[in-house]
Amino acid sequence: MALFAPYCGGRSREQDLLRVLAYWSGGEVRGVRSLMEASPHRFDLRWQPVRAPLESTACTLNIEAEPPLAYRFSVPAHQLMVWLMESGDRSDRLELPDRFWQWLLLEAGGEDL
């Protein structure tokens, strides 16, 4: 935790960081993306767990839609950790923050599979 804390809000976010660290090494979460005036899309986010916050972690995002969507991208581990911290208390069905989706669509330059 000591390595990630300075990049993830410090002591003020300690409980959120501990919650995410509990499943970080598993490298996977399932969640939903709520949409206005449409049914939510389920997704599966997988990443390569790394031990240092500045290391790049390779991620794959699969979205259950018609047609199904898949994206591959890399981000610094601390950034993914922050998005996971902002996504709520449930690692089995979380909702990533809007900031993540905006980044994915506008900045990621990820590879659409």
PDB file of N, CA and C in Angstrom:
ATOM      1  N   MET A   1       0.817  -1.189   0.000  1.00  0.00           N
ATOM      2  CA  MET A   1       0.000   0.000   0.000  1.00  0.00           C
ATOM      3  C   MET A   1       0.865   1.258   0.000  1.00  0.00           C
ATOM      4  N   ALA A   2       1.985   1.198   0.686  1.00  0.00           N
ATOM      5  CA  ALA A   2       2.822   2.387   0.813  1.00  0.00           C
ATOM      6  C   ALA A   2       3.273   2.926  -0.536  1.00  0.00           C
ATOM      7  N   LEU A   3       3.500   2.059  -1.507  1.00  0.00           N
ATOM      8  CA  LEU A   3       3.927   2.520  -2.826  1.00  0.00           C
ATOM      9  C   LEU A   3       2.822   3.271  -3.561  1.00  0.00           C
ATOM     10  N   PHE A   4       1.587   2.792  -3.458  1.00  0.00           N
ATOM     11  CA  PHE A   4       0.481   3.380  -4.213  1.00  0.00           C
ATOM     12  C   PHE A   4      -0.139   4.603  -3.534  1.00  0.00           C
ATOM     13  N   ALA A   5      -0.093   4.679  -2.225  1.00  0.00           N
ATOM     14  CA  ALA A   5      -0.798   5.728  -1.485  1.00  0.00           C
ATOM     15  C   ALA A   5      -0.502   7.148  -1.974  1.00  0.00           C
ATOM     16  N   PRO A   6       0.758   7.529  -2.205  1.00  0.00           N
ATOM     17  CA  PRO A   6       1.009   8.906  -2.650  1.00  0.00           C
ATOM     18  C   PRO A   6       0.365   9.247  -3.997  1.00  0.00           C
ATOM     19  N   TYR A   7       0.127   8.252  -4.818  1.00  0.00           N
ATOM     20  CA  TYR A   7      -0.462   8.473  -6.144  1.00  0.00           C
ATOM     21  C   TYR A   7      -1.983   8.330  -6.133  1.00  0.00           C
ATOM     22  N   CYS A   8      -2.514   7.844  -5.021  1.00  0.00           N
ATOM     23  CA  CYS A   8      -3.941   7.497  -4.968  1.00  0.00           C
ATOM     24  C   CYS A   8      -4.679   8.202  -3.842  1.00  0.00           C
ATOM     25  N   GLY A   9      -4.291   9.417  -3.527  1.00  0.00           N
ATOM     26  CA  GLY A   9      -5.032  10.196  -2.551  1.00  0.00           C
ATOM     27  C   GLY A   9      -4.507  10.156  -1.137  1.00  0.00           C
ATOM     28  N   GLY A  10      -3.417   9.450  -0.890  1.00  0.00           N
ATOM     29  CA  GLY A  10      -2.810   9.419   0.436  1.00  0.00           C
ATOM     30  C   GLY A  10      -3.717   8.836   1.503  1.00  0.00           C
ATOM     31  N   ARG A  11      -3.511   9.286   2.726  1.00  0.00           N
ATOM     32  CA  ARG A  11      -4.263   8.733   3.857  1.00  0.00           C
ATOM     33  C   ARG A  11      -5.757   9.025   3.770  1.00  0.00           C
ATOM     34  N   SER A  12      -6.141  10.090   3.106  1.00  0.00           N
ATOM     35  CA  SER A  12      -7.568  10.422   3.017  1.00  0.00           C
ATOM     36  C   SER A  12      -8.344   9.383   2.210  1.00  0.00           C
ATOM     37  N   ARG A  13      -7.676   8.612   1.376  1.00  0.00           N
ATOM     38  CA  ARG A  13      -8.340   7.583   0.560  1.00  0.00           C
ATOM     39  C   ARG A  13      -7.890   6.178   0.958  1.00  0.00           C
ATOM     40  N   GLU A  14      -7.331   6.037   2.140  1.00  0.00           N
ATOM     41  CA  GLU A  14      -6.744   4.770   2.573  1.00  0.00           C
ATOM     42  C   GLU A  14      -7.726   3.604   2.498  1.00  0.00           C
ATOM     43  N   GLN A  15      -8.954   3.789   2.945  1.00  0.00           N
ATOM     44  CA  GLN A  15      -9.927   2.689   2.934  1.00  0.00           C
ATOM     45  C   GLN A  15     -10.270   2.252   1.514  1.00  0.00           C
ATOM     46  N   ASP A  16     -10.422   3.216   0.604  1.00  0.00           N
ATOM     47  CA  ASP A  16     -10.687   2.875  -0.798  1.00  0.00           C
ATOM     48  C   ASP A  16      -9.511   2.117  -1.397  1.00  0.00           C
ATOM     49  N   LEU A  17      -8.306   2.557  -1.088  1.00  0.00           N
ATOM     50  CA  LEU A  17      -7.109   1.897  -1.605  1.00  0.00           C
ATOM     51  C   LEU A  17      -7.009   0.471  -1.079  1.00  0.00           C
ATOM     52  N   LEU A  18      -7.250   0.279   0.193  1.00  0.00           N
ATOM     53  CA  LEU A  18      -7.210  -1.073   0.768  1.00  0.00           C
ATOM     54  C   LEU A  18      -8.249  -1.979   0.123  1.00  0.00           C
ATOM     55  N   ARG A  19      -9.423  -1.435  -0.148  1.00  0.00           N
ATOM     56  CA  ARG A  19     -10.489  -2.219  -0.789  1.00  0.00           C
ATOM     57  C   ARG A  19     -10.048  -2.709  -2.165  1.00  0.00           C
ATOM     58  N   VAL A  20      -9.451  -1.830  -2.959  1.00  0.00           N
ATOM     59  CA  VAL A  20      -9.013  -2.213  -4.302  1.00  0.00           C
ATOM     60  C   VAL A  20      -7.806  -3.146  -4.236  1.00  0.00           C
ATOM     61  N   LEU A  21      -6.887  -2.888  -3.326  1.00  0.00           N
ATOM     62  CA  LEU A  21      -5.724  -3.771  -3.200  1.00  0.00           C
ATOM     63  C   LEU A  21      -6.132  -5.202  -2.871  1.00  0.00           C
ATOM     64  N   ALA A  22      -7.277  -5.372  -2.216  1.00  0.00           N
ATOM     65  CA  ALA A  22      -7.749  -6.715  -1.858  1.00  0.00           C
ATOM     66  C   ALA A  22      -8.027  -7.567  -3.092  1.00  0.00           C
ATOM     67  N   TYR A  23      -8.395  -6.950  -4.214  1.00  0.00           N
ATOM     68  CA  TYR A  23      -8.648  -7.738  -5.424  1.00  0.00           C
ATOM     69  C   TYR A  23      -7.692  -7.401  -6.571  1.00  0.00           C
ATOM     70  N   TRP A  24      -6.775  -6.482  -6.368  1.00  0.00           N
ATOM     71  CA  TRP A  24      -5.837  -6.052  -7.406  1.00  0.00           C
ATOM     72  C   TRP A  24      -5.068  -7.223  -8.023  1.00  0.00           C
ATOM     73  N   SER A  25      -4.539  -8.110  -7.202  1.00  0.00           N
ATOM     74  CA  SER A  25      -3.708  -9.203  -7.723  1.00  0.00           C
ATOM     75  C   SER A  25      -4.506 -10.190  -8.564  1.00  0.00           C
ATOM     76  N   GLY A  26      -5.831 -10.210  -8.420  1.00  0.00           N
ATOM     77  CA  GLY A  26      -6.673 -11.077  -9.243  1.00  0.00           C
ATOM     78  C   GLY A  26      -6.766 -10.602 -10.679  1.00  0.00           C
ATOM     79  N   GLY A  27      -6.527  -9.318 -10.914  1.00  0.00           N
ATOM     80  CA  GLY A  27      -6.464  -8.773 -12.256  1.00  0.00           C
ATOM     81  C   GLY A  27      -7.760  -8.767 -13.036  1.00  0.00           C
ATOM     82  N   GLU A  28      -8.892  -8.734 -12.347  1.00  0.00           N
ATOM     83  CA  GLU A  28     -10.161  -8.765 -13.077  1.00  0.00           C
ATOM     84  C   GLU A  28     -11.309  -8.243 -12.222  1.00  0.00           C
ATOM     85  N   VAL A  29     -12.205  -7.500 -12.846  1.00  0.00           N
ATOM     86  CA  VAL A  29     -13.476  -7.111 -12.229  1.00  0.00           C
ATOM     87  C   VAL A  29     -14.567  -7.166 -13.287  1.00  0.00           C
ATOM     88  N   ARG A  30     -15.770  -7.377 -12.828  1.00  0.00           N
ATOM     89  CA  ARG A  30     -16.953  -7.314 -13.692  1.00  0.00           C
ATOM     90  C   ARG A  30     -17.759  -6.112 -13.231  1.00  0.00           C
ATOM     91  N   GLY A  31     -18.434  -5.493 -14.162  1.00  0.00           N
ATOM     92  CA  GLY A  31     -19.213  -4.327 -13.796  1.00  0.00           C
ATOM     93  C   GLY A  31     -20.299  -4.028 -14.798  1.00  0.00           C
ATOM     94  N   VAL A  32     -20.916  -2.876 -14.611  1.00  0.00           N
ATOM     95  CA  VAL A  32     -21.972  -2.412 -15.510  1.00  0.00           C
ATOM     96  C   VAL A  32     -21.714  -0.948 -15.853  1.00  0.00           C
ATOM     97  N   ARG A  33     -22.147  -0.576 -17.037  1.00  0.00           N
ATOM     98  CA  ARG A  33     -22.102   0.823 -17.457  1.00  0.00           C
ATOM     99  C   ARG A  33     -23.535   1.259 -17.672  1.00  0.00           C
ATOM    100  N   SER A  34     -24.034   2.095 -16.779  1.00  0.00           N
ATOM    101  CA  SER A  34     -25.396   2.607 -16.903  1.00  0.00           C
ATOM    102  C   SER A  34     -25.434   3.658 -18.000  1.00  0.00           C
ATOM    103  N   LEU A  35     -26.491   3.607 -18.787  1.00  0.00           N
ATOM    104  CA  LEU A  35     -26.667   4.554 -19.880  1.00  0.00           C
ATOM    105  C   LEU A  35     -28.018   5.229 -19.743  1.00  0.00           C
ATOM    106  N   MET A  36     -28.075   6.508 -20.081  1.00  0.00           N
ATOM    107  CA  MET A  36     -29.351   7.211 -20.048  1.00  0.00           C
ATOM    108  C   MET A  36     -30.239   6.671 -21.155  1.00  0.00           C
ATOM    109  N   GLU A  37     -31.475   6.382 -20.810  1.00  0.00           N
ATOM    110  CA  GLU A  37     -32.485   5.938 -21.766  1.00  0.00           C
ATOM    111  C   GLU A  37     -32.077   4.690 -22.546  1.00  0.00           C
ATOM    112  N   ALA A  38     -31.282   3.841 -21.921  1.00  0.00           N
ATOM    113  CA  ALA A  38     -30.897   2.565 -22.541  1.00  0.00           C
ATOM    114  C   ALA A  38     -30.569   1.580 -21.428  1.00  0.00           C
ATOM    115  N   SER A  39     -30.631   0.316 -21.746  1.00  0.00           N
ATOM    116  CA  SER A  39     -30.295  -0.677 -20.732  1.00  0.00           C
ATOM    117  C   SER A  39     -28.782  -0.671 -20.498  1.00  0.00           C
ATOM    118  N   PRO A  40     -28.365  -0.994 -19.284  1.00  0.00           N
ATOM    119  CA  PRO A  40     -26.934  -0.962 -18.971  1.00  0.00           C
ATOM    120  C   PRO A  40     -26.169  -2.057 -19.727  1.00  0.00           C
ATOM    121  N   HIS A  41     -24.897  -1.803 -19.951  1.00  0.00           N
ATOM    122  CA  HIS A  41     -24.010  -2.781 -20.582  1.00  0.00           C
ATOM    123  C   HIS A  41     -23.114  -3.391 -19.513  1.00  0.00           C
ATOM    124  N   ARG A  42     -23.029  -4.691 -19.519  1.00  0.00           N
ATOM    125  CA  ARG A  42     -22.099  -5.379 -18.625  1.00  0.00           C
ATOM    126  C   ARG A  42     -20.714  -5.354 -19.268  1.00  0.00           C
ATOM    127  N   PHE A  43     -19.692  -5.335 -18.417  1.00  0.00           N
ATOM    128  CA  PHE A  43     -18.327  -5.377 -18.941  1.00  0.00           C
ATOM    129  C   PHE A  43     -17.442  -6.221 -18.038  1.00  0.00           C
ATOM    130  N   ASP A  44     -16.340  -6.620 -18.606  1.00  0.00           N
ATOM    131  CA  ASP A  44     -15.315  -7.378 -17.900  1.00  0.00           C
ATOM    132  C   ASP A  44     -13.997  -6.648 -18.153  1.00  0.00           C
ATOM    133  N   LEU A  45     -13.356  -6.189 -17.092  1.00  0.00           N
ATOM    134  CA  LEU A  45     -12.081  -5.489 -17.203  1.00  0.00           C
ATOM    135  C   LEU A  45     -10.997  -6.381 -16.614  1.00  0.00           C
ATOM    136  N   ARG A  46      -9.978  -6.651 -17.418  1.00  0.00           N
ATOM    137  CA  ARG A  46      -8.840  -7.457 -16.962  1.00  0.00           C
ATOM    138  C   ARG A  46      -7.569  -6.627 -17.111  1.00  0.00           C
ATOM    139  N   TRP A  47      -6.641  -6.839 -16.187  1.00  0.00           N
ATOM    140  CA  TRP A  47      -5.366  -6.141 -16.252  1.00  0.00           C
ATOM    141  C   TRP A  47      -4.262  -7.064 -15.775  1.00  0.00           C
ATOM    142  N   GLN A  48      -3.055  -6.713 -16.150  1.00  0.00           N
ATOM    143  CA  GLN A  48      -1.870  -7.427 -15.692  1.00  0.00           C
ATOM    144  C   GLN A  48      -1.421  -6.757 -14.397  1.00  0.00           C
ATOM    145  N   PRO A  49      -1.597  -7.435 -13.250  1.00  0.00           N
ATOM    146  CA  PRO A  49      -1.211  -6.801 -11.987  1.00  0.00           C
ATOM    147  C   PRO A  49       0.288  -6.479 -11.965  1.00  0.00           C
ATOM    148  N   VAL A  50       0.610  -5.297 -11.528  1.00  0.00           N
ATOM    149  CA  VAL A  50       1.999  -4.875 -11.359  1.00  0.00           C
ATOM    150  C   VAL A  50       2.174  -4.413  -9.921  1.00  0.00           C
ATOM    151  N   ARG A  51       3.430  -4.301  -9.506  1.00  0.00           N
ATOM    152  CA  ARG A  51       3.697  -3.994  -8.103  1.00  0.00           C
ATOM    153  C   ARG A  51       4.037  -2.526  -7.841  1.00  0.00           C
ATOM    154  N   ALA A  52       4.339  -1.781  -8.889  1.00  0.00           N
ATOM    155  CA  ALA A  52       4.746  -0.386  -8.704  1.00  0.00           C
ATOM    156  C   ALA A  52       3.739   0.556  -9.372  1.00  0.00           C
ATOM    157  N   PRO A  53       3.413   1.667  -8.741  1.00  0.00           N
ATOM    158  CA  PRO A  53       2.368   2.565  -9.251  1.00  0.00           C
ATOM    159  C   PRO A  53       2.679   3.212 -10.592  1.00  0.00           C
ATOM    160  N   LEU A  54       3.943   3.414 -10.916  1.00  0.00           N
ATOM    161  CA  LEU A  54       4.283   4.054 -12.184  1.00  0.00           C
ATOM    162  C   LEU A  54       4.477   3.057 -13.318  1.00  0.00           C
ATOM    163  N   GLU A  55       4.442   1.776 -13.002  1.00  0.00           N
ATOM    164  CA  GLU A  55       4.539   0.756 -14.048  1.00  0.00           C
ATOM    165  C   GLU A  55       3.283   0.771 -14.894  1.00  0.00           C
ATOM    166  N   SER A  56       3.462   0.509 -16.160  1.00  0.00           N
ATOM    167  CA  SER A  56       2.324   0.427 -17.065  1.00  0.00           C
ATOM    168  C   SER A  56       1.669  -0.946 -16.917  1.00  0.00           C
ATOM    169  N   THR A  57       0.346  -0.945 -16.850  1.00  0.00           N
ATOM    170  CA  THR A  57      -0.382  -2.208 -16.771  1.00  0.00           C
ATOM    171  C   THR A  57      -1.230  -2.374 -18.031  1.00  0.00           C
ATOM    172  N   ALA A  58      -1.098  -3.541 -18.646  1.00  0.00           N
ATOM    173  CA  ALA A  58      -1.858  -3.847 -19.861  1.00  0.00           C
ATOM    174  C   ALA A  58      -3.269  -4.262 -19.465  1.00  0.00           C
ATOM    175  N   CYS A  59      -4.263  -3.693 -20.135  1.00  0.00           N
ATOM    176  CA  CYS A  59      -5.670  -3.932 -19.797  1.00  0.00           C
ATOM    177  C   CYS A  59      -6.452  -4.387 -21.026  1.00  0.00           C
ATOM    178  N   THR A  60      -7.486  -5.175 -20.771  1.00  0.00           N
ATOM    179  CA  THR A  60      -8.448  -5.560 -21.798  1.00  0.00           C
ATOM    180  C   THR A  60      -9.836  -5.321 -21.236  1.00  0.00           C
ATOM    181  N   LEU A  61     -10.657  -4.619 -21.986  1.00  0.00           N
ATOM    182  CA  LEU A  61     -12.031  -4.326 -21.589  1.00  0.00           C
ATOM    183  C   LEU A  61     -12.962  -4.972 -22.602  1.00  0.00           C
ATOM    184  N   ASN A  62     -13.811  -5.885 -22.141  1.00  0.00           N
ATOM    185  CA  ASN A  62     -14.819  -6.524 -22.990  1.00  0.00           C
ATOM    186  C   ASN A  62     -16.185  -6.015 -22.560  1.00  0.00           C
ATOM    187  N   ILE A  63     -16.946  -5.483 -23.511  1.00  0.00           N
ATOM    188  CA  ILE A  63     -18.266  -4.922 -23.235  1.00  0.00           C
ATOM    189  C   ILE A  63     -19.317  -5.775 -23.926  1.00  0.00           C
ATOM    190  N   GLU A  64     -20.288  -6.224 -23.133  1.00  0.00           N
ATOM    191  CA  GLU A  64     -21.384  -7.017 -23.682  1.00  0.00           C
ATOM    192  C   GLU A  64     -22.390  -6.068 -24.320  1.00  0.00           C
ATOM    193  N   ALA A  65     -22.331  -5.958 -25.614  1.00  0.00           N
ATOM    194  CA  ALA A  65     -23.222  -5.084 -26.380  1.00  0.00           C
ATOM    195  C   ALA A  65     -23.499  -5.779 -27.704  1.00  0.00           C
ATOM    196  N   GLU A  66     -24.306  -5.169 -28.526  1.00  0.00           N
ATOM    197  CA  GLU A  66     -24.557  -5.684 -29.876  1.00  0.00           C
ATOM    198  C   GLU A  66     -24.025  -4.695 -30.883  1.00  0.00           C
ATOM    199  N   PRO A  67     -22.972  -4.976 -31.553  1.00  0.00           N
ATOM    200  CA  PRO A  67     -22.101  -6.145 -31.404  1.00  0.00           C
ATOM    201  C   PRO A  67     -21.201  -5.983 -30.179  1.00  0.00           C
ATOM    202  N   PRO A  68     -20.643  -7.095 -29.669  1.00  0.00           N
ATOM    203  CA  PRO A  68     -19.723  -7.010 -28.529  1.00  0.00           C
ATOM    204  C   PRO A  68     -18.518  -6.128 -28.872  1.00  0.00           C
ATOM    205  N   LEU A  69     -18.014  -5.436 -27.869  1.00  0.00           N
ATOM    206  CA  LEU A  69     -16.860  -4.557 -28.051  1.00  0.00           C
ATOM    207  C   LEU A  69     -15.723  -5.011 -27.158  1.00  0.00           C
ATOM    208  N   ALA A  70     -14.514  -4.834 -27.636  1.00  0.00           N
ATOM    209  CA  ALA A  70     -13.338  -5.151 -26.831  1.00  0.00           C
ATOM    210  C   ALA A  70     -12.260  -4.114 -27.116  1.00  0.00           C
ATOM    211  N   TYR A  71     -11.580  -3.681 -26.062  1.00  0.00           N
ATOM    212  CA  TYR A  71     -10.518  -2.688 -26.178  1.00  0.00           C
ATOM    213  C   TYR A  71      -9.292  -3.182 -25.431  1.00  0.00           C
ATOM    214  N   ARG A  72      -8.130  -2.878 -25.987  1.00  0.00           N
ATOM    215  CA  ARG A  72      -6.856  -3.145 -25.328  1.00  0.00           C
ATOM    216  C   ARG A  72      -6.146  -1.812 -25.134  1.00  0.00           C
ATOM    217  N   PHE A  73      -5.618  -1.586 -23.931  1.00  0.00           N
ATOM    218  CA  PHE A  73      -4.917  -0.337 -23.656  1.00  0.00           C
ATOM    219  C   PHE A  73      -3.977  -0.544 -22.485  1.00  0.00           C
ATOM    220  N   SER A  74      -3.086   0.408 -22.282  1.00  0.00           N
ATOM    221  CA  SER A  74      -2.172   0.396 -21.141  1.00  0.00           C
ATOM    222  C   SER A  74      -2.254   1.736 -20.433  1.00  0.00           C
ATOM    223  N   VAL A  75      -2.170   1.687 -19.124  1.00  0.00           N
ATOM    224  CA  VAL A  75      -2.162   2.903 -18.305  1.00  0.00           C
ATOM    225  C   VAL A  75      -1.205   2.686 -17.146  1.00  0.00           C
ATOM    226  N   PRO A  76      -0.720   3.778 -16.539  1.00  0.00           N
ATOM    227  CA  PRO A  76       0.048   3.615 -15.311  1.00  0.00           C
ATOM    228  C   PRO A  76      -0.839   2.944 -14.254  1.00  0.00           C
ATOM    229  N   ALA A  77      -0.264   2.046 -13.504  1.00  0.00           N
ATOM    230  CA  ALA A  77      -1.041   1.281 -12.525  1.00  0.00           C
ATOM    231  C   ALA A  77      -1.798   2.184 -11.560  1.00  0.00           C
ATOM    232  N   HIS A  78      -1.192   3.284 -11.145  1.00  0.00           N
ATOM    233  CA  HIS A  78      -1.880   4.159 -10.187  1.00  0.00           C
ATOM    234  C   HIS A  78      -3.145   4.764 -10.788  1.00  0.00           C
ATOM    235  N   GLN A  79      -3.174   5.019 -12.104  1.00  0.00           N
ATOM    236  CA  GLN A  79      -4.378   5.584 -12.720  1.00  0.00           C
ATOM    237  C   GLN A  79      -5.516   4.576 -12.708  1.00  0.00           C
ATOM    238  N   LEU A  80      -5.210   3.330 -13.065  1.00  0.00           N
ATOM    239  CA  LEU A  80      -6.236   2.291 -13.004  1.00  0.00           C
ATOM    240  C   LEU A  80      -6.714   2.109 -11.570  1.00  0.00           C
ATOM    241  N   MET A  81      -5.789   2.142 -10.630  1.00  0.00           N
ATOM    242  CA  MET A  81      -6.142   2.005  -9.218  1.00  0.00           C
ATOM    243  C   MET A  81      -7.114   3.113  -8.803  1.00  0.00           C
ATOM    244  N   VAL A  82      -6.870   4.352  -9.205  1.00  0.00           N
ATOM    245  CA  VAL A  82      -7.756   5.469  -8.856  1.00  0.00           C
ATOM    246  C   VAL A  82      -9.139   5.256  -9.456  1.00  0.00           C
ATOM    247  N   TRP A  83      -9.216   4.850 -10.722  1.00  0.00           N
ATOM    248  CA  TRP A  83     -10.526   4.598 -11.328  1.00  0.00           C
ATOM    249  C   TRP A  83     -11.273   3.508 -10.574  1.00  0.00           C
ATOM    250  N   LEU A  84     -10.572   2.470 -10.177  1.00  0.00           N
ATOM    251  CA  LEU A  84     -11.217   1.398  -9.413  1.00  0.00           C
ATOM    252  C   LEU A  84     -11.660   1.902  -8.043  1.00  0.00           C
ATOM    253  N   MET A  85     -10.858   2.765  -7.432  1.00  0.00           N
ATOM    254  CA  MET A  85     -11.228   3.339  -6.140  1.00  0.00           C
ATOM    255  C   MET A  85     -12.486   4.191  -6.256  1.00  0.00           C
ATOM    256  N   GLU A  86     -12.682   4.847  -7.385  1.00  0.00           N
ATOM    257  CA  GLU A  86     -13.839   5.724  -7.596  1.00  0.00           C
ATOM    258  C   GLU A  86     -15.084   4.963  -8.027  1.00  0.00           C
ATOM    259  N   SER A  87     -14.985   3.671  -8.186  1.00  0.00           N
ATOM    260  CA  SER A  87     -16.085   2.906  -8.771  1.00  0.00           C
ATOM    261  C   SER A  87     -17.032   2.282  -7.754  1.00  0.00           C
ATOM    262  N   GLY A  88     -16.847   2.534  -6.496  1.00  0.00           N
ATOM    263  CA  GLY A  88     -17.780   2.015  -5.505  1.00  0.00           C
ATOM    264  C   GLY A  88     -17.232   0.829  -4.741  1.00  0.00           C
ATOM    265  N   ASP A  89     -18.087   0.285  -3.887  1.00  0.00           N
ATOM    266  CA  ASP A  89     -17.657  -0.731  -2.933  1.00  0.00           C
ATOM    267  C   ASP A  89     -17.684  -2.162  -3.436  1.00  0.00           C
ATOM    268  N   ARG A  90     -18.283  -2.411  -4.574  1.00  0.00           N
ATOM    269  CA  ARG A  90     -18.483  -3.799  -4.993  1.00  0.00           C
ATOM    270  C   ARG A  90     -17.526  -4.183  -6.113  1.00  0.00           C
ATOM    271  N   SER A  91     -16.586  -5.076  -5.810  1.00  0.00           N
ATOM    272  CA  SER A  91     -15.652  -5.531  -6.838  1.00  0.00           C
ATOM    273  C   SER A  91     -16.311  -6.521  -7.786  1.00  0.00           C
ATOM    274  N   ASP A  92     -17.469  -7.082  -7.405  1.00  0.00           N
ATOM    275  CA  ASP A  92     -18.139  -8.073  -8.255  1.00  0.00           C
ATOM    276  C   ASP A  92     -19.075  -7.421  -9.276  1.00  0.00           C
ATOM    277  N   ARG A  93     -19.412  -6.141  -9.084  1.00  0.00           N
ATOM    278  CA  ARG A  93     -20.345  -5.468 -10.005  1.00  0.00           C
ATOM    279  C   ARG A  93     -20.184  -3.956  -9.875  1.00  0.00           C
ATOM    280  N   LEU A  94     -19.034  -3.493 -10.211  1.00  0.00           N
ATOM    281  CA  LEU A  94     -18.768  -2.072 -10.038  1.00  0.00           C
ATOM    282  C   LEU A  94     -19.149  -1.272 -11.273  1.00  0.00           C
ATOM    283  N   GLU A  95     -19.180   0.035 -11.095  1.00  0.00           N
ATOM    284  CA  GLU A  95     -19.434   0.945 -12.211  1.00  0.00           C
ATOM    285  C   GLU A  95     -18.283   1.944 -12.265  1.00  0.00           C
ATOM    286  N   LEU A  96     -17.480   1.835 -13.297  1.00  0.00           N
ATOM    287  CA  LEU A  96     -16.339   2.731 -13.439  1.00  0.00           C
ATOM    288  C   LEU A  96     -16.822   4.169 -13.600  1.00  0.00           C
ATOM    289  N   PRO A  97     -16.033   5.132 -13.131  1.00  0.00           N
ATOM    290  CA  PRO A  97     -16.459   6.537 -13.193  1.00  0.00           C
ATOM    291  C   PRO A  97     -16.504   7.061 -14.630  1.00  0.00           C
ATOM    292  N   ASP A  98     -17.271   8.118 -14.821  1.00  0.00           N
ATOM    293  CA  ASP A  98     -17.376   8.746 -16.142  1.00  0.00           C
ATOM    294  C   ASP A  98     -16.008   9.145 -16.688  1.00  0.00           C
ATOM    295  N   ARG A  99     -15.102   9.555 -15.798  1.00  0.00           N
ATOM    296  CA  ARG A  99     -13.756   9.952 -16.235  1.00  0.00           C
ATOM    297  C   ARG A  99     -13.059   8.830 -16.993  1.00  0.00           C
ATOM    298  N   PHE A 100     -13.268   7.580 -16.544  1.00  0.00           N
ATOM    299  CA  PHE A 100     -12.668   6.448 -17.252  1.00  0.00           C
ATOM    300  C   PHE A 100     -13.230   6.344 -18.658  1.00  0.00           C
ATOM    301  N   TRP A 101     -14.551   6.388 -18.795  1.00  0.00           N
ATOM    302  CA  TRP A 101     -15.187   6.214 -20.105  1.00  0.00           C
ATOM    303  C   TRP A 101     -14.815   7.350 -21.054  1.00  0.00           C
ATOM    304  N   GLN A 102     -14.730   8.558 -20.535  1.00  0.00           N
ATOM    305  CA  GLN A 102     -14.303   9.685 -21.367  1.00  0.00           C
ATOM    306  C   GLN A 102     -12.879   9.473 -21.855  1.00  0.00           C
ATOM    307  N   TRP A 103     -12.007   9.046 -20.952  1.00  0.00           N
ATOM    308  CA  TRP A 103     -10.623   8.775 -21.329  1.00  0.00           C
ATOM    309  C   TRP A 103     -10.568   7.681 -22.391  1.00  0.00           C
ATOM    310  N   LEU A 104     -11.321   6.609 -22.195  1.00  0.00           N
ATOM    311  CA  LEU A 104     -11.307   5.489 -23.139  1.00  0.00           C
ATOM    312  C   LEU A 104     -11.713   5.945 -24.538  1.00  0.00           C
ATOM    313  N   LEU A 105     -12.771   6.728 -24.618  1.00  0.00           N
ATOM    314  CA  LEU A 105     -13.291   7.139 -25.922  1.00  0.00           C
ATOM    315  C   LEU A 105     -12.497   8.265 -26.578  1.00  0.00           C
ATOM    316  N   LEU A 106     -11.958   9.172 -25.773  1.00  0.00           N
ATOM    317  CA  LEU A 106     -11.321  10.360 -26.338  1.00  0.00           C
ATOM    318  C   LEU A 106      -9.800  10.319 -26.367  1.00  0.00           C
ATOM    319  N   GLU A 107      -9.194   9.643 -25.408  1.00  0.00           N
ATOM    320  CA  GLU A 107      -7.750   9.754 -25.270  1.00  0.00           C
ATOM    321  C   GLU A 107      -6.996   8.443 -25.352  1.00  0.00           C
ATOM    322  N   ALA A 108      -7.639   7.345 -25.074  1.00  0.00           N
ATOM    323  CA  ALA A 108      -6.921   6.087 -24.908  1.00  0.00           C
ATOM    324  C   ALA A 108      -6.153   5.681 -26.150  1.00  0.00           C
ATOM    325  N   GLY A 109      -6.767   5.839 -27.304  1.00  0.00           N
ATOM    326  CA  GLY A 109      -6.100   5.344 -28.495  1.00  0.00           C
ATOM    327  C   GLY A 109      -5.918   3.844 -28.412  1.00  0.00           C
ATOM    328  N   GLY A 110      -6.776   3.201 -27.600  1.00  0.00           N
ATOM    329  CA  GLY A 110      -6.684   1.760 -27.418  1.00  0.00           C
ATOM    330  C   GLY A 110      -7.026   1.016 -28.685  1.00  0.00           C
ATOM    331  N   GLU A 111      -6.603  -0.201 -28.732  1.00  0.00           N
ATOM    332  CA  GLU A 111      -6.845  -1.042 -29.895  1.00  0.00           C
ATOM    333  C   GLU A 111      -8.203  -1.701 -29.760  1.00  0.00           C
ATOM    334  N   ASP A 112      -9.100  -1.401 -30.676  1.00  0.00           N
ATOM    335  CA  ASP A 112     -10.409  -2.048 -30.724  1.00  0.00           C
ATOM    336  C   ASP A 112     -10.185  -3.431 -31.302  1.00  0.00           C
ATOM    337  N   LEU A 113     -10.538  -4.464 -30.538  1.00  0.00           N
ATOM    338  CA  LEU A 113     -10.256  -5.848 -30.971  1.00  0.00           C
ATOM    339  C   LEU A 113     -11.290  -6.383 -31.913  1.00  0.00           C
TER     340      LEU A 113
END
